[in-house]
Amino acid sequence: MKVKVAKWGNSLGVRLPRSAIETVGAKEGSELDLTVERDGLYLRQPRQTSAELLAEMVAEMKRLGPENAPDTVDWGPDRGSEIIDDEYSRGEITLEDLLKSKPAGKRGASARADRRR
């Protein structure tokens, strides 16, 4: 479809026909991604970040209720680098214990060695 370029302040703008806006689900205030390529300008709906997509999926799952939650999958025991054997993973200390005991910027064995000195 054709649109006309018009002056808008110090810039140029185009009016987007209602049918185009309805097709992509945009509304006043919506943000669109503008891509400039050799053969033209392209407006697209912005792609969601992984975090936004995950948040949307979790919100929808909560909206549908617990009876519609997906089943958990047992992948078997941890193997190789999946195995973490420390006080926290064994349940001997909590996250709060870790946050209270570690000075800012110190982690792991070096932090424990500093406390022993």
PDB file of N, CA and C in Angstrom:
ATOM      1  N   MET A   1       0.832  -1.169   0.000  1.00  0.00           N
ATOM      2  CA  MET A   1       0.000   0.000   0.000  1.00  0.00           C
ATOM      3  C   MET A   1       0.883   1.240   0.000  1.00  0.00           C
ATOM      4  N   LYS A   2       0.411   2.282  -0.562  1.00  0.00           N
ATOM      5  CA  LYS A   2       1.184   3.513  -0.669  1.00  0.00           C
ATOM      6  C   LYS A   2       0.820   4.451   0.477  1.00  0.00           C
ATOM      7  N   VAL A   3       1.845   5.147   0.999  1.00  0.00           N
ATOM      8  CA  VAL A   3       1.640   6.183   2.002  1.00  0.00           C
ATOM      9  C   VAL A   3       2.417   7.418   1.559  1.00  0.00           C
ATOM     10  N   LYS A   4       2.018   8.565   2.011  1.00  0.00           N
ATOM     11  CA  LYS A   4       2.660   9.813   1.609  1.00  0.00           C
ATOM     12  C   LYS A   4       3.560  10.309   2.732  1.00  0.00           C
ATOM     13  N   VAL A   5       4.769  10.757   2.369  1.00  0.00           N
ATOM     14  CA  VAL A   5       5.706  11.342   3.324  1.00  0.00           C
ATOM     15  C   VAL A   5       5.322  12.806   3.503  1.00  0.00           C
ATOM     16  N   ALA A   6       5.223  13.260   4.772  1.00  0.00           N
ATOM     17  CA  ALA A   6       4.845  14.643   5.058  1.00  0.00           C
ATOM     18  C   ALA A   6       5.795  15.237   6.087  1.00  0.00           C
ATOM     19  N   LYS A   7       5.906  16.549   6.114  1.00  0.00           N
ATOM     20  CA  LYS A   7       6.746  17.238   7.079  1.00  0.00           C
ATOM     21  C   LYS A   7       6.079  17.163   8.443  1.00  0.00           C
ATOM     22  N   TRP A   8       6.875  16.883   9.480  1.00  0.00           N
ATOM     23  CA  TRP A   8       6.372  16.799  10.840  1.00  0.00           C
ATOM     24  C   TRP A   8       7.416  17.458  11.733  1.00  0.00           C
ATOM     25  N   GLY A   9       7.249  18.716  12.063  1.00  0.00           N
ATOM     26  CA  GLY A   9       8.258  19.484  12.778  1.00  0.00           C
ATOM     27  C   GLY A   9       9.492  19.612  11.902  1.00  0.00           C
ATOM     28  N   ASN A  10      10.652  19.229  12.442  1.00  0.00           N
ATOM     29  CA  ASN A  10      11.892  19.235  11.661  1.00  0.00           C
ATOM     30  C   ASN A  10      12.144  17.890  10.985  1.00  0.00           C
ATOM     31  N   SER A  11      11.219  16.969  11.121  1.00  0.00           N
ATOM     32  CA  SER A  11      11.381  15.626  10.573  1.00  0.00           C
ATOM     33  C   SER A  11      10.364  15.373   9.474  1.00  0.00           C
ATOM     34  N   LEU A  12      10.405  14.181   8.959  1.00  0.00           N
ATOM     35  CA  LEU A  12       9.396  13.719   8.006  1.00  0.00           C
ATOM     36  C   LEU A  12       8.684  12.538   8.638  1.00  0.00           C
ATOM     37  N   GLY A  13       7.441  12.352   8.270  1.00  0.00           N
ATOM     38  CA  GLY A  13       6.688  11.246   8.822  1.00  0.00           C
ATOM     39  C   GLY A  13       5.722  10.671   7.812  1.00  0.00           C
ATOM     40  N   VAL A  14       5.183   9.521   8.136  1.00  0.00           N
ATOM     41  CA  VAL A  14       4.150   8.909   7.302  1.00  0.00           C
ATOM     42  C   VAL A  14       2.989   8.524   8.211  1.00  0.00           C
ATOM     43  N   ARG A  15       1.801   8.578   7.675  1.00  0.00           N
ATOM     44  CA  ARG A  15       0.627   8.086   8.396  1.00  0.00           C
ATOM     45  C   ARG A  15       0.438   6.634   8.003  1.00  0.00           C
ATOM     46  N   LEU A  16       0.206   5.818   8.989  1.00  0.00           N
ATOM     47  CA  LEU A  16       0.000   4.401   8.729  1.00  0.00           C
ATOM     48  C   LEU A  16      -1.498   4.119   8.666  1.00  0.00           C
ATOM     49  N   PRO A  17      -1.959   3.507   7.592  1.00  0.00           N
ATOM     50  CA  PRO A  17      -3.388   3.213   7.454  1.00  0.00           C
ATOM     51  C   PRO A  17      -3.885   2.279   8.561  1.00  0.00           C
ATOM     52  N   ARG A  18      -5.140   2.486   8.942  1.00  0.00           N
ATOM     53  CA  ARG A  18      -5.750   1.694  10.005  1.00  0.00           C
ATOM     54  C   ARG A  18      -5.623   0.198   9.743  1.00  0.00           C
ATOM     55  N   SER A  19      -5.818  -0.242   8.511  1.00  0.00           N
ATOM     56  CA  SER A  19      -5.756  -1.670   8.203  1.00  0.00           C
ATOM     57  C   SER A  19      -4.355  -2.237   8.498  1.00  0.00           C
ATOM     58  N   ALA A  20      -3.315  -1.453   8.219  1.00  0.00           N
ATOM     59  CA  ALA A  20      -1.948  -1.906   8.495  1.00  0.00           C
ATOM     60  C   ALA A  20      -1.711  -2.005   9.994  1.00  0.00           C
ATOM     61  N   ILE A  21      -2.168  -1.004  10.728  1.00  0.00           N
ATOM     62  CA  ILE A  21      -1.997  -0.982  12.176  1.00  0.00           C
ATOM     63  C   ILE A  21      -2.755  -2.135  12.828  1.00  0.00           C
ATOM     64  N   GLU A  22      -3.974  -2.368  12.397  1.00  0.00           N
ATOM     65  CA  GLU A  22      -4.766  -3.472  12.959  1.00  0.00           C
ATOM     66  C   GLU A  22      -4.146  -4.822  12.656  1.00  0.00           C
ATOM     67  N   THR A  23      -3.535  -4.941  11.497  1.00  0.00           N
ATOM     68  CA  THR A  23      -2.915  -6.216  11.114  1.00  0.00           C
ATOM     69  C   THR A  23      -1.792  -6.601  12.067  1.00  0.00           C
ATOM     70  N   VAL A  24      -0.993  -5.610  12.488  1.00  0.00           N
ATOM     71  CA  VAL A  24       0.135  -5.918  13.383  1.00  0.00           C
ATOM     72  C   VAL A  24      -0.219  -5.728  14.852  1.00  0.00           C
ATOM     73  N   GLY A  25      -1.429  -5.252  15.134  1.00  0.00           N
ATOM     74  CA  GLY A  25      -1.854  -5.098  16.524  1.00  0.00           C
ATOM     75  C   GLY A  25      -1.244  -3.903  17.229  1.00  0.00           C
ATOM     76  N   ALA A  26      -0.789  -2.917  16.480  1.00  0.00           N
ATOM     77  CA  ALA A  26      -0.211  -1.723  17.094  1.00  0.00           C
ATOM     78  C   ALA A  26      -1.324  -0.760  17.490  1.00  0.00           C
ATOM     79  N   LYS A  27      -0.987   0.169  18.361  1.00  0.00           N
ATOM     80  CA  LYS A  27      -1.929   1.212  18.756  1.00  0.00           C
ATOM     81  C   LYS A  27      -1.131   2.465  19.071  1.00  0.00           C
ATOM     82  N   GLU A  28      -1.806   3.551  19.356  1.00  0.00           N
ATOM     83  CA  GLU A  28      -1.116   4.799  19.659  1.00  0.00           C
ATOM     84  C   GLU A  28      -0.144   4.577  20.820  1.00  0.00           C
ATOM     85  N   GLY A  29       1.093   4.989  20.630  1.00  0.00           N
ATOM     86  CA  GLY A  29       2.119   4.817  21.658  1.00  0.00           C
ATOM     87  C   GLY A  29       2.942   3.551  21.491  1.00  0.00           C
ATOM     88  N   SER A  30       2.524   2.647  20.602  1.00  0.00           N
ATOM     89  CA  SER A  30       3.292   1.420  20.368  1.00  0.00           C
ATOM     90  C   SER A  30       4.664   1.759  19.800  1.00  0.00           C
ATOM     91  N   GLU A  31       5.645   0.958  20.153  1.00  0.00           N
ATOM     92  CA  GLU A  31       6.974   1.121  19.575  1.00  0.00           C
ATOM     93  C   GLU A  31       7.162   0.101  18.461  1.00  0.00           C
ATOM     94  N   LEU A  32       7.778   0.533  17.383  1.00  0.00           N
ATOM     95  CA  LEU A  32       8.091  -0.338  16.260  1.00  0.00           C
ATOM     96  C   LEU A  32       9.581  -0.258  15.986  1.00  0.00           C
ATOM     97  N   ASP A  33      10.169  -1.320  15.487  1.00  0.00           N
ATOM     98  CA  ASP A  33      11.574  -1.317  15.087  1.00  0.00           C
ATOM     99  C   ASP A  33      11.665  -0.858  13.640  1.00  0.00           C
ATOM    100  N   LEU A  34      12.483   0.146  13.386  1.00  0.00           N
ATOM    101  CA  LEU A  34      12.716   0.644  12.028  1.00  0.00           C
ATOM    102  C   LEU A  34      14.055   0.096  11.567  1.00  0.00           C
ATOM    103  N   THR A  35      14.046  -0.605  10.452  1.00  0.00           N
ATOM    104  CA  THR A  35      15.264  -1.134   9.851  1.00  0.00           C
ATOM    105  C   THR A  35      15.488  -0.404   8.532  1.00  0.00           C
ATOM    106  N   VAL A  36      16.683   0.124   8.369  1.00  0.00           N
ATOM    107  CA  VAL A  36      17.026   0.828   7.138  1.00  0.00           C
ATOM    108  C   VAL A  36      17.919  -0.096   6.323  1.00  0.00           C
ATOM    109  N   GLU A  37      17.488  -0.412   5.121  1.00  0.00           N
ATOM    110  CA  GLU A  37      18.261  -1.255   4.221  1.00  0.00           C
ATOM    111  C   GLU A  37      18.399  -0.548   2.889  1.00  0.00           C
ATOM    112  N   ARG A  38      19.257  -1.068   2.035  1.00  0.00           N
ATOM    113  CA  ARG A  38      19.503  -0.426   0.735  1.00  0.00           C
ATOM    114  C   ARG A  38      18.237  -0.181  -0.070  1.00  0.00           C
ATOM    115  N   ASP A  39      17.361  -1.171  -0.044  1.00  0.00           N
ATOM    116  CA  ASP A  39      16.173  -1.074  -0.893  1.00  0.00           C
ATOM    117  C   ASP A  39      14.955  -0.490  -0.196  1.00  0.00           C
ATOM    118  N   GLY A  40      15.089  -0.066   1.067  1.00  0.00           N
ATOM    119  CA  GLY A  40      13.938   0.548   1.698  1.00  0.00           C
ATOM    120  C   GLY A  40      13.993   0.590   3.207  1.00  0.00           C
ATOM    121  N   LEU A  41      12.902   1.074   3.759  1.00  0.00           N
ATOM    122  CA  LEU A  41      12.703   1.160   5.202  1.00  0.00           C
ATOM    123  C   LEU A  41      11.693   0.086   5.595  1.00  0.00           C
ATOM    124  N   TYR A  42      11.937  -0.561   6.711  1.00  0.00           N
ATOM    125  CA  TYR A  42      11.037  -1.620   7.163  1.00  0.00           C
ATOM    126  C   TYR A  42      10.645  -1.371   8.608  1.00  0.00           C
ATOM    127  N   LEU A  43       9.356  -1.374   8.881  1.00  0.00           N
ATOM    128  CA  LEU A  43       8.836  -1.265  10.238  1.00  0.00           C
ATOM    129  C   LEU A  43       8.367  -2.638  10.678  1.00  0.00           C
ATOM    130  N   ARG A  44       8.793  -3.038  11.866  1.00  0.00           N
ATOM    131  CA  ARG A  44       8.397  -4.351  12.394  1.00  0.00           C
ATOM    132  C   ARG A  44       8.033  -4.226  13.860  1.00  0.00           C
ATOM    133  N   GLN A  45       7.222  -5.139  14.323  1.00  0.00           N
ATOM    134  CA  GLN A  45       6.972  -5.229  15.756  1.00  0.00           C
ATOM    135  C   GLN A  45       8.293  -5.574  16.417  1.00  0.00           C
ATOM    136  N   PRO A  46       8.616  -4.967  17.555  1.00  0.00           N
ATOM    137  CA  PRO A  46       9.872  -5.310  18.228  1.00  0.00           C
ATOM    138  C   PRO A  46       9.854  -6.765  18.681  1.00  0.00           C
ATOM    139  N   ARG A  47      10.993  -7.402  18.591  1.00  0.00           N
ATOM    140  CA  ARG A  47      11.101  -8.779  19.079  1.00  0.00           C
ATOM    141  C   ARG A  47      11.220  -8.748  20.592  1.00  0.00           C
ATOM    142  N   GLN A  48      10.585  -9.703  21.224  1.00  0.00           N
ATOM    143  CA  GLN A  48      10.662  -9.787  22.673  1.00  0.00           C
ATOM    144  C   GLN A  48      12.016 -10.340  23.091  1.00  0.00           C
ATOM    145  N   THR A  49      12.504  -9.850  24.215  1.00  0.00           N
ATOM    146  CA  THR A  49      13.717 -10.439  24.785  1.00  0.00           C
ATOM    147  C   THR A  49      13.323 -11.768  25.417  1.00  0.00           C
ATOM    148  N   SER A  50      14.296 -12.598  25.690  1.00  0.00           N
ATOM    149  CA  SER A  50      14.019 -13.887  26.335  1.00  0.00           C
ATOM    150  C   SER A  50      13.337 -13.683  27.675  1.00  0.00           C
ATOM    151  N   ALA A  51      13.775 -12.675  28.432  1.00  0.00           N
ATOM    152  CA  ALA A  51      13.179 -12.415  29.746  1.00  0.00           C
ATOM    153  C   ALA A  51      11.718 -11.995  29.605  1.00  0.00           C
ATOM    154  N   GLU A  52      11.419 -11.151  28.616  1.00  0.00           N
ATOM    155  CA  GLU A  52      10.038 -10.714  28.402  1.00  0.00           C
ATOM    156  C   GLU A  52       9.164 -11.888  27.979  1.00  0.00           C
ATOM    157  N   LEU A  53       9.689 -12.722  27.108  1.00  0.00           N
ATOM    158  CA  LEU A  53       8.940 -13.880  26.644  1.00  0.00           C
ATOM    159  C   LEU A  53       8.673 -14.844  27.796  1.00  0.00           C
ATOM    160  N   LEU A  54       9.685 -15.098  28.620  1.00  0.00           N
ATOM    161  CA  LEU A  54       9.514 -15.987  29.767  1.00  0.00           C
ATOM    162  C   LEU A  54       8.501 -15.411  30.745  1.00  0.00           C
ATOM    163  N   ALA A  55       8.584 -14.102  31.017  1.00  0.00           N
ATOM    164  CA  ALA A  55       7.636 -13.462  31.933  1.00  0.00           C
ATOM    165  C   ALA A  55       6.208 -13.582  31.400  1.00  0.00           C
ATOM    166  N   GLU A  56       6.037 -13.416  30.095  1.00  0.00           N
ATOM    167  CA  GLU A  56       4.710 -13.542  29.492  1.00  0.00           C
ATOM    168  C   GLU A  56       4.190 -14.979  29.617  1.00  0.00           C
ATOM    169  N   MET A  57       5.071 -15.950  29.402  1.00  0.00           N
ATOM    170  CA  MET A  57       4.660 -17.350  29.501  1.00  0.00           C
ATOM    171  C   MET A  57       4.276 -17.708  30.936  1.00  0.00           C
ATOM    172  N   VAL A  58       5.044 -17.235  31.914  1.00  0.00           N
ATOM    173  CA  VAL A  58       4.745 -17.516  33.322  1.00  0.00           C
ATOM    174  C   VAL A  58       3.430 -16.854  33.721  1.00  0.00           C
ATOM    175  N   ALA A  59       3.215 -15.612  33.283  1.00  0.00           N
ATOM    176  CA  ALA A  59       1.962 -14.915  33.594  1.00  0.00           C
ATOM    177  C   ALA A  59       0.771 -15.675  33.010  1.00  0.00           C
ATOM    178  N   GLU A  60       0.906 -16.156  31.800  1.00  0.00           N
ATOM    179  CA  GLU A  60      -0.183 -16.917  31.172  1.00  0.00           C
ATOM    180  C   GLU A  60      -0.426 -18.226  31.906  1.00  0.00           C
ATOM    181  N   MET A  61       0.652 -18.877  32.346  1.00  0.00           N
ATOM    182  CA  MET A  61       0.515 -20.127  33.085  1.00  0.00           C
ATOM    183  C   MET A  61      -0.220 -19.870  34.404  1.00  0.00           C
ATOM    184  N   LYS A  62       0.125 -18.759  35.089  1.00  0.00           N
ATOM    185  CA  LYS A  62      -0.560 -18.430  36.342  1.00  0.00           C
ATOM    186  C   LYS A  62      -2.025 -18.096  36.085  1.00  0.00           C
ATOM    187  N   ARG A  63      -2.291 -17.401  34.986  1.00  0.00           N
ATOM    188  CA  ARG A  63      -3.671 -17.041  34.651  1.00  0.00           C
ATOM    189  C   ARG A  63      -4.523 -18.280  34.421  1.00  0.00           C
ATOM    190  N   LEU A  64      -3.944 -19.291  33.792  1.00  0.00           N
ATOM    191  CA  LEU A  64      -4.690 -20.514  33.486  1.00  0.00           C
ATOM    192  C   LEU A  64      -4.933 -21.376  34.715  1.00  0.00           C
ATOM    193  N   GLY A  65      -4.127 -21.180  35.750  1.00  0.00           N
ATOM    194  CA  GLY A  65      -4.314 -21.921  36.993  1.00  0.00           C
ATOM    195  C   GLY A  65      -3.418 -23.144  37.096  1.00  0.00           C
ATOM    196  N   PRO A  66      -3.242 -23.632  38.322  1.00  0.00           N
ATOM    197  CA  PRO A  66      -2.313 -24.744  38.567  1.00  0.00           C
ATOM    198  C   PRO A  66      -2.701 -26.049  37.880  1.00  0.00           C
ATOM    199  N   GLU A  67      -3.991 -26.222  37.603  1.00  0.00           N
ATOM    200  CA  GLU A  67      -4.408 -27.465  36.936  1.00  0.00           C
ATOM    201  C   GLU A  67      -3.890 -27.551  35.504  1.00  0.00           C
ATOM    202  N   ASN A  68      -3.467 -26.423  34.943  1.00  0.00           N
ATOM    203  CA  ASN A  68      -2.932 -26.408  33.582  1.00  0.00           C
ATOM    204  C   ASN A  68      -1.411 -26.295  33.532  1.00  0.00           C
ATOM    205  N   ALA A  69      -0.757 -26.389  34.690  1.00  0.00           N
ATOM    206  CA  ALA A  69       0.703 -26.294  34.734  1.00  0.00           C
ATOM    207  C   ALA A  69       1.310 -27.520  34.051  1.00  0.00           C
ATOM    208  N   PRO A  70       2.431 -27.333  33.363  1.00  0.00           N
ATOM    209  CA  PRO A  70       3.058 -28.480  32.710  1.00  0.00           C
ATOM    210  C   PRO A  70       3.644 -29.441  33.735  1.00  0.00           C
ATOM    211  N   ASP A  71       3.698 -30.707  33.361  1.00  0.00           N
ATOM    212  CA  ASP A  71       4.302 -31.709  34.237  1.00  0.00           C
ATOM    213  C   ASP A  71       5.800 -31.476  34.309  1.00  0.00           C
ATOM    214  N   THR A  72       6.382 -31.768  35.467  1.00  0.00           N
ATOM    215  CA  THR A  72       7.833 -31.681  35.577  1.00  0.00           C
ATOM    216  C   THR A  72       8.441 -32.937  34.953  1.00  0.00           C
ATOM    217  N   VAL A  73       9.656 -32.810  34.487  1.00  0.00           N
ATOM    218  CA  VAL A  73      10.332 -33.918  33.822  1.00  0.00           C
ATOM    219  C   VAL A  73      11.531 -34.332  34.654  1.00  0.00           C
ATOM    220  N   ASP A  74      11.637 -35.625  34.951  1.00  0.00           N
ATOM    221  CA  ASP A  74      12.794 -36.130  35.683  1.00  0.00           C
ATOM    222  C   ASP A  74      13.857 -36.509  34.654  1.00  0.00           C
ATOM    223  N   TRP A  75      14.930 -35.726  34.626  1.00  0.00           N
ATOM    224  CA  TRP A  75      16.005 -35.967  33.664  1.00  0.00           C
ATOM    225  C   TRP A  75      17.043 -36.935  34.216  1.00  0.00           C
ATOM    226  N   GLY A  76      16.817 -37.457  35.420  1.00  0.00           N
ATOM    227  CA  GLY A  76      17.781 -38.372  36.025  1.00  0.00           C
ATOM    228  C   GLY A  76      18.777 -37.617  36.894  1.00  0.00           C
ATOM    229  N   PRO A  77      19.732 -38.353  37.438  1.00  0.00           N
ATOM    230  CA  PRO A  77      20.692 -37.721  38.337  1.00  0.00           C
ATOM    231  C   PRO A  77      21.628 -36.767  37.594  1.00  0.00           C
ATOM    232  N   ASP A  78      22.158 -35.780  38.348  1.00  0.00           N
ATOM    233  CA  ASP A  78      23.127 -34.852  37.764  1.00  0.00           C
ATOM    234  C   ASP A  78      24.374 -35.628  37.343  1.00  0.00           C
ATOM    235  N   ARG A  79      25.028 -35.116  36.300  1.00  0.00           N
ATOM    236  CA  ARG A  79      26.251 -35.738  35.799  1.00  0.00           C
ATOM    237  C   ARG A  79      27.284 -34.670  35.496  1.00  0.00           C
ATOM    238  N   GLY A  80      28.534 -35.032  35.593  1.00  0.00           N
ATOM    239  CA  GLY A  80      29.625 -34.142  35.205  1.00  0.00           C
ATOM    240  C   GLY A  80      29.562 -32.798  35.883  1.00  0.00           C
ATOM    241  N   SER A  81      29.618 -31.719  35.091  1.00  0.00           N
ATOM    242  CA  SER A  81      29.654 -30.363  35.650  1.00  0.00           C
ATOM    243  C   SER A  81      28.319 -29.939  36.260  1.00  0.00           C
ATOM    244  N   GLU A  82      27.273 -30.768  36.106  1.00  0.00           N
ATOM    245  CA  GLU A  82      25.995 -30.457  36.751  1.00  0.00           C
ATOM    246  C   GLU A  82      26.070 -30.699  38.251  1.00  0.00           C
ATOM    247  N   ILE A  83      27.009 -31.518  38.685  1.00  0.00           N
ATOM    248  CA  ILE A  83      27.118 -31.889  40.090  1.00  0.00           C
ATOM    249  C   ILE A  83      27.791 -30.757  40.863  1.00  0.00           C
ATOM    250  N   ILE A  84      27.086 -30.256  41.846  1.00  0.00           N
ATOM    251  CA  ILE A  84      27.636 -29.236  42.726  1.00  0.00           C
ATOM    252  C   ILE A  84      27.590 -29.803  44.131  1.00  0.00           C
ATOM    253  N   ASP A  85      28.749 -29.915  44.757  1.00  0.00           N
ATOM    254  CA  ASP A  85      28.827 -30.476  46.096  1.00  0.00           C
ATOM    255  C   ASP A  85      29.421 -29.430  47.023  1.00  0.00           C
ATOM    256  N   ASP A  86      28.553 -28.625  47.622  1.00  0.00           N
ATOM    257  CA  ASP A  86      29.001 -27.632  48.586  1.00  0.00           C
ATOM    258  C   ASP A  86      27.980 -27.557  49.720  1.00  0.00           C
ATOM    259  N   GLU A  87      28.276 -26.724  50.719  1.00  0.00           N
ATOM    260  CA  GLU A  87      27.396 -26.638  51.890  1.00  0.00           C
ATOM    261  C   GLU A  87      25.969 -26.240  51.502  1.00  0.00           C
ATOM    262  N   TYR A  88      25.860 -25.325  50.558  1.00  0.00           N
ATOM    263  CA  TYR A  88      24.535 -24.849  50.172  1.00  0.00           C
ATOM    264  C   TYR A  88      23.719 -25.953  49.501  1.00  0.00           C
ATOM    265  N   SER A  89      24.319 -26.657  48.538  1.00  0.00           N
ATOM    266  CA  SER A  89      23.566 -27.687  47.816  1.00  0.00           C
ATOM    267  C   SER A  89      23.256 -28.889  48.708  1.00  0.00           C
ATOM    268  N   ARG A  90      24.058 -29.100  49.757  1.00  0.00           N
ATOM    269  CA  ARG A  90      23.758 -30.185  50.702  1.00  0.00           C
ATOM    270  C   ARG A  90      22.741 -29.754  51.756  1.00  0.00           C
ATOM    271  N   GLY A  91      22.339 -28.469  51.737  1.00  0.00           N
ATOM    272  CA  GLY A  91      21.345 -27.969  52.681  1.00  0.00           C
ATOM    273  C   GLY A  91      21.910 -27.642  54.047  1.00  0.00           C
ATOM    274  N   GLU A  92      23.233 -27.552  54.155  1.00  0.00           N
ATOM    275  CA  GLU A  92      23.856 -27.256  55.447  1.00  0.00           C
ATOM    276  C   GLU A  92      23.803 -25.770  55.780  1.00  0.00           C
ATOM    277  N   ILE A  93      23.715 -24.912  54.777  1.00  0.00           N
ATOM    278  CA  ILE A  93      23.591 -23.473  54.977  1.00  0.00           C
ATOM    279  C   ILE A  93      22.543 -22.928  54.012  1.00  0.00           C
ATOM    280  N   THR A  94      22.054 -21.736  54.306  1.00  0.00           N
ATOM    281  CA  THR A  94      21.037 -21.116  53.455  1.00  0.00           C
ATOM    282  C   THR A  94      21.659 -19.975  52.661  1.00  0.00           C
ATOM    283  N   LEU A  95      20.884 -19.436  51.730  1.00  0.00           N
ATOM    284  CA  LEU A  95      21.339 -18.290  50.955  1.00  0.00           C
ATOM    285  C   LEU A  95      21.619 -17.105  51.875  1.00  0.00           C
ATOM    286  N   GLU A  96      20.771 -16.927  52.880  1.00  0.00           N
ATOM    287  CA  GLU A  96      20.971 -15.836  53.838  1.00  0.00           C
ATOM    288  C   GLU A  96      22.316 -15.984  54.541  1.00  0.00           C
ATOM    289  N   ASP A  97      22.689 -17.230  54.915  1.00  0.00           N
ATOM    290  CA  ASP A  97      23.993 -17.472  55.550  1.00  0.00           C
ATOM    291  C   ASP A  97      25.120 -17.037  54.628  1.00  0.00           C
ATOM    292  N   LEU A  98      24.996 -17.373  53.364  1.00  0.00           N
ATOM    293  CA  LEU A  98      26.032 -17.004  52.400  1.00  0.00           C
ATOM    294  C   LEU A  98      26.144 -15.494  52.254  1.00  0.00           C
ATOM    295  N   LEU A  99      25.004 -14.827  52.161  1.00  0.00           N
ATOM    296  CA  LEU A  99      25.018 -13.382  51.976  1.00  0.00           C
ATOM    297  C   LEU A  99      25.570 -12.659  53.197  1.00  0.00           C
ATOM    298  N   LYS A 100      25.311 -13.177  54.392  1.00  0.00           N
ATOM    299  CA  LYS A 100      25.818 -12.547  55.612  1.00  0.00           C
ATOM    300  C   LYS A 100      27.310 -12.762  55.788  1.00  0.00           C
ATOM    301  N   SER A 101      27.825 -13.928  55.387  1.00  0.00           N
ATOM    302  CA  SER A 101      29.202 -14.289  55.715  1.00  0.00           C
ATOM    303  C   SER A 101      30.240 -13.825  54.711  1.00  0.00           C
ATOM    304  N   LYS A 102      29.848 -13.527  53.469  1.00  0.00           N
ATOM    305  CA  LYS A 102      30.830 -13.170  52.449  1.00  0.00           C
ATOM    306  C   LYS A 102      31.001 -11.677  52.324  1.00  0.00           C
ATOM    307  N   PRO A 103      32.227 -11.182  52.437  1.00  0.00           N
ATOM    308  CA  PRO A 103      32.449  -9.762  52.161  1.00  0.00           C
ATOM    309  C   PRO A 103      32.190  -9.494  50.680  1.00  0.00           C
ATOM    310  N   ALA A 104      31.780  -8.282  50.347  1.00  0.00           N
ATOM    311  CA  ALA A 104      31.498  -7.924  48.955  1.00  0.00           C
ATOM    312  C   ALA A 104      32.703  -8.194  48.088  1.00  0.00           C
ATOM    313  N   GLY A 105      32.484  -8.826  46.961  1.00  0.00           N
ATOM    314  CA  GLY A 105      33.556  -9.085  46.010  1.00  0.00           C
ATOM    315  C   GLY A 105      34.337 -10.354  46.270  1.00  0.00           C
ATOM    316  N   LYS A 106      34.162 -11.001  47.416  1.00  0.00           N
ATOM    317  CA  LYS A 106      34.891 -12.237  47.721  1.00  0.00           C
ATOM    318  C   LYS A 106      33.955 -13.417  47.537  1.00  0.00           C
ATOM    319  N   ARG A 107      34.447 -14.476  46.918  1.00  0.00           N
ATOM    320  CA  ARG A 107      33.619 -15.657  46.690  1.00  0.00           C
ATOM    321  C   ARG A 107      34.460 -16.906  46.863  1.00  0.00           C
ATOM    322  N   GLY A 108      33.758 -18.004  47.127  1.00  0.00           N
ATOM    323  CA  GLY A 108      34.379 -19.326  47.104  1.00  0.00           C
ATOM    324  C   GLY A 108      35.485 -19.521  48.117  1.00  0.00           C
ATOM    325  N   ALA A 109      36.496 -20.296  47.729  1.00  0.00           N
ATOM    326  CA  ALA A 109      37.578 -20.713  48.617  1.00  0.00           C
ATOM    327  C   ALA A 109      38.357 -19.524  49.150  1.00  0.00           C
ATOM    328  N   SER A 110      38.570 -18.484  48.349  1.00  0.00           N
ATOM    329  CA  SER A 110      39.340 -17.341  48.802  1.00  0.00           C
ATOM    330  C   SER A 110      38.643 -16.633  49.958  1.00  0.00           C
ATOM    331  N   ALA A 111      37.322 -16.567  49.935  1.00  0.00           N
ATOM    332  CA  ALA A 111      36.579 -15.937  51.015  1.00  0.00           C
ATOM    333  C   ALA A 111      36.682 -16.772  52.286  1.00  0.00           C
ATOM    334  N   ARG A 112      36.625 -18.104  52.164  1.00  0.00           N
ATOM    335  CA  ARG A 112      36.760 -18.970  53.327  1.00  0.00           C
ATOM    336  C   ARG A 112      38.156 -18.885  53.907  1.00  0.00           C
ATOM    337  N   ALA A 113      39.156 -18.816  53.049  1.00  0.00           N
ATOM    338  CA  ALA A 113      40.546 -18.719  53.515  1.00  0.00           C
ATOM    339  C   ALA A 113      40.755 -17.395  54.263  1.00  0.00           C
ATOM    340  N   ASP A 114      40.162 -16.315  53.798  1.00  0.00           N
ATOM    341  CA  ASP A 114      40.278 -15.024  54.475  1.00  0.00           C
ATOM    342  C   ASP A 114      39.652 -15.069  55.863  1.00  0.00           C
ATOM    343  N   ARG A 115      38.543 -15.754  56.012  1.00  0.00           N
ATOM    344  CA  ARG A 115      37.872 -15.831  57.322  1.00  0.00           C
ATOM    345  C   ARG A 115      38.699 -16.631  58.312  1.00  0.00           C
ATOM    346  N   ARG A 116      39.485 -17.615  57.847  1.00  0.00           N
ATOM    347  CA  ARG A 116      40.288 -18.445  58.740  1.00  0.00           C
ATOM    348  C   ARG A 116      41.507 -17.694  59.255  1.00  0.00           C
ATOM    349  N   ARG A 117      41.941 -16.649  58.566  1.00  0.00           N
ATOM    350  CA  ARG A 117      43.162 -15.929  58.976  1.00  0.00           C
ATOM    351  C   ARG A 117      42.960 -15.094  60.191  1.00  0.00           C
TER     352      ARG A 117
END
